[in-house]
Amino acid sequence: MKKYWLFLLSIVVAVSVSGCGTNVSSSAGKKKEKDVQTIVVGTGTQFPNICFIDDKGKLTGYDVEVVRAIDKELKDYKFEFKTMEFSNLLLSLESNKIDMIAHNMAQNAERKKKFLFNDETYNYSPLYVTVPKNRNDIHSLKDLEGKKMIVGATSNAAVYLDKYNQKHGNKIDVVYAGQGADDATTQLKTGRADATLATPFSIDFSNQALKFQQKTVGDIVINSKVYFMFNKKDEKLKSEVDQAIKKLKKDGTLKKLSTKWLGEDYTVQN
């Protein structure tokens, strides 16, 4: 009888130990899943080749696909996109509604006061004076004196033109694009604006999509380095994104994505 009770006791202990082992394993699995941090990335849907909705309804473009490539490299993070108008991106980052901006962002003094830029540029964005294709009287900013130029209100182009105007007697009438990707194009088409600043890849995309044709003229006005933007507190995230970008440069991924979406390798300065 004593042997029988000892036998039963050994079974109970074995089952208890086995049960404890199962619980530890499950708990560890949950912890691992919990450790993956979700990063909300603010971007747009109306920037040709950079961040836009394709004909299948998918969010894509160079900046979007670079973030997706970074997501594959950084296993401790899960990057999710939140789309919005460009004018709302900075406010959303400042109010912590998003953790990061991916929208062909260049540095300027005002932005650097409030936000954190990563150290490693992932793209260069050359901006040229852009006019209707049939217009031959404008070749540079100097030719725009007394004329109207349209740019995005919070864009680096707007900051640059404001400084240019102050230095040159405010001779260019700078106006700001409203909501919608085609507002600048519409104002050029109707003659309400004479020129804008744009990249060759965005103009190529626009010319393919629309009947109204544009062209870039003259030399590069601004050749901005392009970065991701973060909240000031997110130094660790910024640093890890930098490491991922370096790896993607080294293995040729960035060059491949740039050539696919932008027509050539804009990851190096032209």
C-alpha atoms as a PDB file:
ATOM      1  CA  MET A   1       0.000   0.000   0.000  1.00  0.00           C
ATOM      2  CA  LYS A   2       2.831   2.336   0.899  1.00  0.00           C
ATOM      3  CA  LYS A   3       4.485   1.634  -2.453  1.00  0.00           C
ATOM      4  CA  TYR A   4       1.169   2.394  -4.180  1.00  0.00           C
ATOM      5  CA  TRP A   5       0.869   5.852  -2.562  1.00  0.00           C
ATOM      6  CA  LEU A   6       4.491   6.625  -3.354  1.00  0.00           C
ATOM      7  CA  PHE A   7       3.783   5.714  -6.976  1.00  0.00           C
ATOM      8  CA  LEU A   8       0.758   8.077  -7.122  1.00  0.00           C
ATOM      9  CA  LEU A   9       2.742  10.869  -5.498  1.00  0.00           C
ATOM     10  CA  SER A  10       5.495  10.534  -8.093  1.00  0.00           C
ATOM     11  CA  ILE A  11       2.918  10.874 -10.899  1.00  0.00           C
ATOM     12  CA  VAL A  12       1.426  14.052  -9.346  1.00  0.00           C
ATOM     13  CA  VAL A  13       4.873  15.619  -8.963  1.00  0.00           C
ATOM     14  CA  ALA A  14       5.785  14.737 -12.550  1.00  0.00           C
ATOM     15  CA  VAL A  15       2.580  16.293 -13.877  1.00  0.00           C
ATOM     16  CA  SER A  16       3.114  19.428 -11.749  1.00  0.00           C
ATOM     17  CA  VAL A  17       6.659  19.874 -12.993  1.00  0.00           C
ATOM     18  CA  SER A  18       5.519  19.291 -16.553  1.00  0.00           C
ATOM     19  CA  GLY A  19       2.743  21.877 -16.094  1.00  0.00           C
ATOM     20  CA  CYS A  20       5.153  24.427 -14.697  1.00  0.00           C
ATOM     21  CA  GLY A  21       7.447  23.882 -17.640  1.00  0.00           C
ATOM     22  CA  THR A  22       4.626  24.598 -20.065  1.00  0.00           C
ATOM     23  CA  ASN A  23       3.668  27.816 -18.282  1.00  0.00           C
ATOM     24  CA  VAL A  24       7.241  29.145 -18.288  1.00  0.00           C
ATOM     25  CA  SER A  25       7.563  28.483 -21.994  1.00  0.00           C
ATOM     26  CA  SER A  26       4.259  30.226 -22.743  1.00  0.00           C
ATOM     27  CA  SER A  27       5.163  33.201 -20.583  1.00  0.00           C
ATOM     28  CA  ALA A  28       8.505  33.611 -22.358  1.00  0.00           C
ATOM     29  CA  GLY A  29       6.737  33.529 -25.713  1.00  0.00           C
ATOM     30  CA  LYS A  30       4.393  36.313 -24.638  1.00  0.00           C
ATOM     31  CA  LYS A  31       7.287  38.392 -23.358  1.00  0.00           C
ATOM     32  CA  LYS A  32       9.115  38.082 -26.665  1.00  0.00           C
ATOM     33  CA  GLU A  33       5.984  39.161 -28.550  1.00  0.00           C
ATOM     34  CA  LYS A  34       5.446  42.044 -26.116  1.00  0.00           C
ATOM     35  CA  ASP A  35       9.011  43.316 -26.585  1.00  0.00           C
ATOM     36  CA  VAL A  36       8.394  44.157 -30.257  1.00  0.00           C
ATOM     37  CA  GLN A  37       7.679  47.899 -30.332  1.00  0.00           C
ATOM     38  CA  THR A  38       5.222  49.306 -32.862  1.00  0.00           C
ATOM     39  CA  ILE A  39       6.471  52.439 -34.632  1.00  0.00           C
ATOM     40  CA  VAL A  40       3.772  54.538 -36.311  1.00  0.00           C
ATOM     41  CA  VAL A  41       5.212  56.105 -39.462  1.00  0.00           C
ATOM     42  CA  GLY A  42       3.490  59.184 -40.845  1.00  0.00           C
ATOM     43  CA  THR A  43       3.512  59.483 -44.625  1.00  0.00           C
ATOM     44  CA  GLY A  44       1.394  60.744 -47.504  1.00  0.00           C
ATOM     45  CA  THR A  45      -0.480  59.312 -50.457  1.00  0.00           C
ATOM     46  CA  GLN A  46       0.030  62.013 -53.076  1.00  0.00           C
ATOM     47  CA  PHE A  47       3.783  62.385 -53.660  1.00  0.00           C
ATOM     48  CA  PRO A  48       4.545  60.720 -57.008  1.00  0.00           C
ATOM     49  CA  ASN A  49       7.103  57.904 -56.736  1.00  0.00           C
ATOM     50  CA  ILE A  50       7.816  58.718 -53.055  1.00  0.00           C
ATOM     51  CA  CYS A  51       4.605  57.828 -51.191  1.00  0.00           C
ATOM     52  CA  PHE A  52       1.407  57.280 -53.134  1.00  0.00           C
ATOM     53  CA  ILE A  53      -1.452  54.854 -53.774  1.00  0.00           C
ATOM     54  CA  ASP A  54      -0.849  52.729 -56.874  1.00  0.00           C
ATOM     55  CA  ASP A  55      -3.498  51.543 -59.340  1.00  0.00           C
ATOM     56  CA  LYS A  56      -4.112  48.464 -57.163  1.00  0.00           C
ATOM     57  CA  GLY A  57      -4.881  50.612 -54.123  1.00  0.00           C
ATOM     58  CA  LYS A  58      -1.588  49.818 -52.371  1.00  0.00           C
ATOM     59  CA  LEU A  59       0.515  52.377 -50.488  1.00  0.00           C
ATOM     60  CA  THR A  60       3.969  52.303 -52.062  1.00  0.00           C
ATOM     61  CA  GLY A  61       6.812  54.429 -53.424  1.00  0.00           C
ATOM     62  CA  TYR A  62      10.466  54.883 -52.571  1.00  0.00           C
ATOM     63  CA  ASP A  63      10.113  56.149 -48.981  1.00  0.00           C
ATOM     64  CA  VAL A  64       7.462  53.540 -48.165  1.00  0.00           C
ATOM     65  CA  GLU A  65       9.554  50.666 -49.517  1.00  0.00           C
ATOM     66  CA  VAL A  66      12.699  51.893 -47.721  1.00  0.00           C
ATOM     67  CA  VAL A  67      10.777  51.793 -44.421  1.00  0.00           C
ATOM     68  CA  ARG A  68       9.575  48.286 -45.247  1.00  0.00           C
ATOM     69  CA  ALA A  69      13.175  47.234 -45.912  1.00  0.00           C
ATOM     70  CA  ILE A  70      14.229  48.756 -42.561  1.00  0.00           C
ATOM     71  CA  ASP A  71      11.361  46.885 -40.891  1.00  0.00           C
ATOM     72  CA  LYS A  72      12.864  43.587 -42.097  1.00  0.00           C
ATOM     73  CA  GLU A  73      16.244  44.528 -40.622  1.00  0.00           C
ATOM     74  CA  LEU A  74      15.047  45.685 -37.191  1.00  0.00           C
ATOM     75  CA  LYS A  75      13.401  42.708 -35.486  1.00  0.00           C
ATOM     76  CA  ASP A  76      12.648  44.605 -32.266  1.00  0.00           C
ATOM     77  CA  TYR A  77      10.296  46.970 -34.105  1.00  0.00           C
ATOM     78  CA  LYS A  78       7.148  46.720 -36.169  1.00  0.00           C
ATOM     79  CA  PHE A  79       6.657  49.702 -38.507  1.00  0.00           C
ATOM     80  CA  GLU A  80       3.074  50.658 -39.360  1.00  0.00           C
ATOM     81  CA  PHE A  81       2.026  53.472 -41.709  1.00  0.00           C
ATOM     82  CA  LYS A  82      -0.461  56.222 -40.968  1.00  0.00           C
ATOM     83  CA  THR A  83      -1.317  58.349 -44.006  1.00  0.00           C
ATOM     84  CA  MET A  84      -2.267  62.024 -43.906  1.00  0.00           C
ATOM     85  CA  GLU A  85      -1.913  65.338 -45.692  1.00  0.00           C
ATOM     86  CA  PHE A  86       1.669  66.626 -45.787  1.00  0.00           C
ATOM     87  CA  SER A  87       0.666  69.742 -43.839  1.00  0.00           C
ATOM     88  CA  ASN A  88      -0.403  67.567 -40.869  1.00  0.00           C
ATOM     89  CA  LEU A  89       2.784  65.493 -40.551  1.00  0.00           C
ATOM     90  CA  LEU A  90       4.839  67.820 -38.346  1.00  0.00           C
ATOM     91  CA  LEU A  91       1.924  68.569 -36.013  1.00  0.00           C
ATOM     92  CA  SER A  92       1.205  64.842 -35.675  1.00  0.00           C
ATOM     93  CA  LEU A  93       4.832  64.123 -34.785  1.00  0.00           C
ATOM     94  CA  GLU A  94       4.907  66.997 -32.283  1.00  0.00           C
ATOM     95  CA  SER A  95       1.730  65.748 -30.580  1.00  0.00           C
ATOM     96  CA  ASN A  96       3.025  62.135 -30.480  1.00  0.00           C
ATOM     97  CA  LYS A  97       0.292  60.816 -32.766  1.00  0.00           C
ATOM     98  CA  ILE A  98       3.074  59.324 -34.890  1.00  0.00           C
ATOM     99  CA  ASP A  99       6.638  58.274 -34.039  1.00  0.00           C
ATOM    100  CA  MET A 100       8.387  58.942 -37.333  1.00  0.00           C
ATOM    101  CA  ILE A 101       7.938  60.774 -40.655  1.00  0.00           C
ATOM    102  CA  ALA A 102       8.810  59.285 -44.041  1.00  0.00           C
ATOM    103  CA  HIS A 103       8.013  61.904 -46.681  1.00  0.00           C
ATOM    104  CA  ASN A 104      11.188  63.053 -48.464  1.00  0.00           C
ATOM    105  CA  MET A 105      12.005  65.343 -45.516  1.00  0.00           C
ATOM    106  CA  ALA A 106      14.981  67.719 -45.591  1.00  0.00           C
ATOM    107  CA  GLN A 107      16.506  69.514 -42.619  1.00  0.00           C
ATOM    108  CA  ASN A 108      16.013  73.169 -41.803  1.00  0.00           C
ATOM    109  CA  ALA A 109      16.680  75.196 -38.659  1.00  0.00           C
ATOM    110  CA  GLU A 110      13.034  75.358 -37.554  1.00  0.00           C
ATOM    111  CA  ARG A 111      12.530  71.610 -37.850  1.00  0.00           C
ATOM    112  CA  LYS A 112      15.791  70.815 -36.048  1.00  0.00           C
ATOM    113  CA  LYS A 113      14.683  72.867 -33.033  1.00  0.00           C
ATOM    114  CA  LYS A 114      11.675  70.625 -32.463  1.00  0.00           C
ATOM    115  CA  PHE A 115      12.552  67.266 -33.951  1.00  0.00           C
ATOM    116  CA  LEU A 116      15.272  64.677 -34.370  1.00  0.00           C
ATOM    117  CA  PHE A 117      16.715  63.745 -37.762  1.00  0.00           C
ATOM    118  CA  ASN A 118      18.661  60.550 -38.292  1.00  0.00           C
ATOM    119  CA  ASP A 119      22.345  60.963 -39.210  1.00  0.00           C
ATOM    120  CA  GLU A 120      22.376  58.769 -42.307  1.00  0.00           C
ATOM    121  CA  THR A 121      20.708  60.246 -45.389  1.00  0.00           C
ATOM    122  CA  TYR A 122      18.822  57.702 -47.491  1.00  0.00           C
ATOM    123  CA  ASN A 123      18.234  59.903 -50.530  1.00  0.00           C
ATOM    124  CA  TYR A 124      19.034  63.200 -52.281  1.00  0.00           C
ATOM    125  CA  SER A 125      16.201  65.314 -53.629  1.00  0.00           C
ATOM    126  CA  PRO A 126      17.303  67.707 -56.423  1.00  0.00           C
ATOM    127  CA  LEU A 127      14.785  70.500 -56.960  1.00  0.00           C
ATOM    128  CA  TYR A 128      14.683  72.410 -60.264  1.00  0.00           C
ATOM    129  CA  VAL A 129      12.603  75.321 -61.495  1.00  0.00           C
ATOM    130  CA  THR A 130       9.693  73.605 -63.230  1.00  0.00           C
ATOM    131  CA  VAL A 131       7.426  75.177 -65.869  1.00  0.00           C
ATOM    132  CA  PRO A 132       4.856  74.153 -68.495  1.00  0.00           C
ATOM    133  CA  LYS A 133       6.608  72.329 -71.335  1.00  0.00           C
ATOM    134  CA  ASN A 134       5.651  74.942 -73.947  1.00  0.00           C
ATOM    135  CA  ARG A 135       7.103  77.822 -71.929  1.00  0.00           C
ATOM    136  CA  ASN A 136      10.567  79.042 -72.961  1.00  0.00           C
ATOM    137  CA  ASP A 137      10.999  82.359 -71.117  1.00  0.00           C
ATOM    138  CA  ILE A 138      11.981  80.915 -67.715  1.00  0.00           C
ATOM    139  CA  HIS A 139      15.337  79.218 -67.084  1.00  0.00           C
ATOM    140  CA  SER A 140      16.211  80.171 -63.485  1.00  0.00           C
ATOM    141  CA  LEU A 141      14.902  81.887 -60.352  1.00  0.00           C
ATOM    142  CA  LYS A 142      16.110  85.231 -61.729  1.00  0.00           C
ATOM    143  CA  ASP A 143      13.661  84.857 -64.624  1.00  0.00           C
ATOM    144  CA  LEU A 144      10.828  84.620 -62.088  1.00  0.00           C
ATOM    145  CA  GLU A 145      11.165  88.196 -60.861  1.00  0.00           C
ATOM    146  CA  GLY A 146       7.704  89.742 -61.093  1.00  0.00           C
ATOM    147  CA  LYS A 147       6.170  86.296 -61.635  1.00  0.00           C
ATOM    148  CA  LYS A 148       4.355  83.791 -59.445  1.00  0.00           C
ATOM    149  CA  MET A 149       5.897  80.591 -58.050  1.00  0.00           C
ATOM    150  CA  ILE A 150       3.842  77.951 -56.224  1.00  0.00           C
ATOM    151  CA  VAL A 151       5.259  75.622 -53.531  1.00  0.00           C
ATOM    152  CA  GLY A 152       4.037  73.647 -50.524  1.00  0.00           C
ATOM    153  CA  ALA A 153       3.461  75.876 -47.484  1.00  0.00           C
ATOM    154  CA  THR A 154       5.650  73.943 -45.016  1.00  0.00           C
ATOM    155  CA  SER A 155       8.105  72.526 -47.535  1.00  0.00           C
ATOM    156  CA  ASN A 156      11.848  73.096 -47.630  1.00  0.00           C
ATOM    157  CA  ALA A 157      11.284  74.786 -50.998  1.00  0.00           C
ATOM    158  CA  ALA A 158       9.122  77.401 -49.242  1.00  0.00           C
ATOM    159  CA  VAL A 159      11.821  78.031 -46.620  1.00  0.00           C
ATOM    160  CA  TYR A 160      14.471  78.378 -49.327  1.00  0.00           C
ATOM    161  CA  LEU A 161      12.381  80.772 -51.445  1.00  0.00           C
ATOM    162  CA  ASP A 162      11.575  82.924 -48.421  1.00  0.00           C
ATOM    163  CA  LYS A 163      15.311  83.388 -47.759  1.00  0.00           C
ATOM    164  CA  TYR A 164      16.005  83.926 -51.471  1.00  0.00           C
ATOM    165  CA  ASN A 165      13.309  86.592 -51.670  1.00  0.00           C
ATOM    166  CA  GLN A 166      14.608  88.428 -48.596  1.00  0.00           C
ATOM    167  CA  LYS A 167      18.060  88.525 -50.141  1.00  0.00           C
ATOM    168  CA  HIS A 168      16.845  89.656 -53.581  1.00  0.00           C
ATOM    169  CA  GLY A 169      14.232  92.297 -52.768  1.00  0.00           C
ATOM    170  CA  ASN A 170      11.139  90.049 -52.585  1.00  0.00           C
ATOM    171  CA  LYS A 171      10.749  90.075 -56.358  1.00  0.00           C
ATOM    172  CA  ILE A 172       9.167  86.626 -56.678  1.00  0.00           C
ATOM    173  CA  ASP A 173       5.492  86.306 -55.754  1.00  0.00           C
ATOM    174  CA  VAL A 174       5.477  83.057 -53.762  1.00  0.00           C
ATOM    175  CA  VAL A 175       2.098  81.375 -53.328  1.00  0.00           C
ATOM    176  CA  TYR A 176       1.279  78.148 -51.514  1.00  0.00           C
ATOM    177  CA  ALA A 177      -0.374  75.025 -52.843  1.00  0.00           C
ATOM    178  CA  GLY A 178      -3.692  74.004 -51.334  1.00  0.00           C
ATOM    179  CA  GLN A 179      -4.818  70.484 -50.518  1.00  0.00           C
ATOM    180  CA  GLY A 180      -4.357  67.794 -53.137  1.00  0.00           C
ATOM    181  CA  ALA A 181      -1.425  66.502 -55.141  1.00  0.00           C
ATOM    182  CA  ASP A 182      -2.405  68.257 -58.359  1.00  0.00           C
ATOM    183  CA  ASP A 183      -2.924  71.791 -57.052  1.00  0.00           C
ATOM    184  CA  ALA A 184       0.467  73.100 -58.236  1.00  0.00           C
ATOM    185  CA  THR A 185       0.008  71.405 -61.602  1.00  0.00           C
ATOM    186  CA  THR A 186      -3.508  72.832 -61.931  1.00  0.00           C
ATOM    187  CA  GLN A 187      -2.294  76.370 -61.195  1.00  0.00           C
ATOM    188  CA  LEU A 188       0.508  76.013 -63.753  1.00  0.00           C
ATOM    189  CA  LYS A 189      -1.940  74.669 -66.301  1.00  0.00           C
ATOM    190  CA  THR A 190      -4.429  77.520 -65.792  1.00  0.00           C
ATOM    191  CA  GLY A 191      -1.697  80.173 -65.752  1.00  0.00           C
ATOM    192  CA  ARG A 192      -2.395  81.249 -62.173  1.00  0.00           C
ATOM    193  CA  ALA A 193       1.229  80.343 -61.375  1.00  0.00           C
ATOM    194  CA  ASP A 194       4.280  80.549 -63.627  1.00  0.00           C
ATOM    195  CA  ALA A 195       6.550  77.944 -62.067  1.00  0.00           C
ATOM    196  CA  THR A 196       7.194  75.597 -59.157  1.00  0.00           C
ATOM    197  CA  LEU A 197      10.141  73.681 -57.730  1.00  0.00           C
ATOM    198  CA  ALA A 198      10.120  69.945 -58.372  1.00  0.00           C
ATOM    199  CA  THR A 199      12.270  66.861 -58.797  1.00  0.00           C
ATOM    200  CA  PRO A 200      12.778  65.227 -62.221  1.00  0.00           C
ATOM    201  CA  PHE A 201      11.246  61.956 -61.001  1.00  0.00           C
ATOM    202  CA  SER A 202       8.025  63.622 -59.804  1.00  0.00           C
ATOM    203  CA  ILE A 203       7.681  65.506 -63.107  1.00  0.00           C
ATOM    204  CA  ASP A 204       8.261  62.312 -65.112  1.00  0.00           C
ATOM    205  CA  PHE A 205       5.509  60.624 -63.101  1.00  0.00           C
ATOM    206  CA  SER A 206       3.146  63.587 -63.547  1.00  0.00           C
ATOM    207  CA  ASN A 207       3.785  63.764 -67.292  1.00  0.00           C
ATOM    208  CA  GLN A 208       2.940  60.088 -67.658  1.00  0.00           C
ATOM    209  CA  ALA A 209      -0.227  60.396 -65.596  1.00  0.00           C
ATOM    210  CA  LEU A 210      -1.599  63.687 -66.933  1.00  0.00           C
ATOM    211  CA  LYS A 211      -2.128  65.272 -70.335  1.00  0.00           C
ATOM    212  CA  PHE A 212      -0.587  68.534 -69.118  1.00  0.00           C
ATOM    213  CA  GLN A 213       3.190  68.369 -69.674  1.00  0.00           C
ATOM    214  CA  GLN A 214       5.903  70.083 -67.597  1.00  0.00           C
ATOM    215  CA  LYS A 215       9.693  70.305 -67.727  1.00  0.00           C
ATOM    216  CA  THR A 216      12.558  71.147 -65.389  1.00  0.00           C
ATOM    217  CA  VAL A 217      14.891  73.949 -66.477  1.00  0.00           C
ATOM    218  CA  GLY A 218      18.312  75.289 -65.528  1.00  0.00           C
ATOM    219  CA  ASP A 219      20.558  74.013 -62.770  1.00  0.00           C
ATOM    220  CA  ILE A 220      19.641  72.373 -59.477  1.00  0.00           C
ATOM    221  CA  VAL A 221      18.214  75.007 -57.117  1.00  0.00           C
ATOM    222  CA  ILE A 222      18.320  72.846 -53.980  1.00  0.00           C
ATOM    223  CA  ASN A 223      19.888  69.390 -53.671  1.00  0.00           C
ATOM    224  CA  SER A 224      18.639  68.436 -50.245  1.00  0.00           C
ATOM    225  CA  LYS A 225      19.737  65.440 -48.233  1.00  0.00           C
ATOM    226  CA  VAL A 226      16.678  63.447 -47.256  1.00  0.00           C
ATOM    227  CA  TYR A 227      16.131  62.017 -43.778  1.00  0.00           C
ATOM    228  CA  PHE A 228      13.544  60.419 -41.544  1.00  0.00           C
ATOM    229  CA  MET A 229      12.241  62.519 -38.647  1.00  0.00           C
ATOM    230  CA  PHE A 230      11.631  61.457 -35.036  1.00  0.00           C
ATOM    231  CA  ASN A 231      10.671  62.892 -31.675  1.00  0.00           C
ATOM    232  CA  LYS A 232      13.610  64.278 -29.670  1.00  0.00           C
ATOM    233  CA  LYS A 233      13.282  61.486 -27.105  1.00  0.00           C
ATOM    234  CA  ASP A 234      13.742  58.683 -29.642  1.00  0.00           C
ATOM    235  CA  GLU A 235      17.547  58.616 -29.883  1.00  0.00           C
ATOM    236  CA  LYS A 236      17.665  54.811 -29.700  1.00  0.00           C
ATOM    237  CA  LEU A 237      15.205  54.371 -32.559  1.00  0.00           C
ATOM    238  CA  LYS A 238      17.068  56.953 -34.642  1.00  0.00           C
ATOM    239  CA  SER A 239      20.380  55.197 -34.058  1.00  0.00           C
ATOM    240  CA  GLU A 240      19.016  51.779 -35.003  1.00  0.00           C
ATOM    241  CA  VAL A 241      17.387  53.150 -38.157  1.00  0.00           C
ATOM    242  CA  ASP A 242      20.777  54.662 -39.089  1.00  0.00           C
ATOM    243  CA  GLN A 243      22.434  51.267 -38.736  1.00  0.00           C
ATOM    244  CA  ALA A 244      19.771  49.670 -40.921  1.00  0.00           C
ATOM    245  CA  ILE A 245      20.213  52.349 -43.616  1.00  0.00           C
ATOM    246  CA  LYS A 246      23.985  51.770 -43.656  1.00  0.00           C
ATOM    247  CA  LYS A 247      23.413  48.058 -44.190  1.00  0.00           C
ATOM    248  CA  LEU A 248      20.852  48.678 -46.957  1.00  0.00           C
ATOM    249  CA  LYS A 249      23.312  51.013 -48.687  1.00  0.00           C
ATOM    250  CA  LYS A 250      26.118  48.488 -48.440  1.00  0.00           C
ATOM    251  CA  ASP A 251      24.129  45.542 -49.788  1.00  0.00           C
ATOM    252  CA  GLY A 252      22.698  47.578 -52.695  1.00  0.00           C
ATOM    253  CA  THR A 253      19.056  47.577 -51.553  1.00  0.00           C
ATOM    254  CA  LEU A 254      18.732  51.377 -51.483  1.00  0.00           C
ATOM    255  CA  LYS A 255      20.273  51.754 -54.925  1.00  0.00           C
ATOM    256  CA  LYS A 256      17.892  49.130 -56.297  1.00  0.00           C
ATOM    257  CA  LEU A 257      14.834  50.814 -54.756  1.00  0.00           C
ATOM    258  CA  SER A 258      15.916  54.279 -55.924  1.00  0.00           C
ATOM    259  CA  THR A 259      16.465  53.079 -59.494  1.00  0.00           C
ATOM    260  CA  LYS A 260      13.084  51.331 -59.499  1.00  0.00           C
ATOM    261  CA  TRP A 261      11.020  54.205 -58.088  1.00  0.00           C
ATOM    262  CA  LEU A 262      12.978  57.334 -58.999  1.00  0.00           C
ATOM    263  CA  GLY A 263      14.531  56.355 -62.318  1.00  0.00           C
ATOM    264  CA  GLU A 264      18.156  56.475 -61.182  1.00  0.00           C
ATOM    265  CA  ASP A 265      20.360  56.185 -58.104  1.00  0.00           C
ATOM    266  CA  TYR A 266      19.529  59.214 -55.937  1.00  0.00           C
ATOM    267  CA  THR A 267      21.191  57.679 -52.880  1.00  0.00           C
ATOM    268  CA  VAL A 268      24.413  59.410 -53.985  1.00  0.00           C
ATOM    269  CA  GLN A 269      24.765  63.134 -54.659  1.00  0.00           C
ATOM    270  CA  ASN A 270      24.592  64.100 -58.330  1.00  0.00           C
END
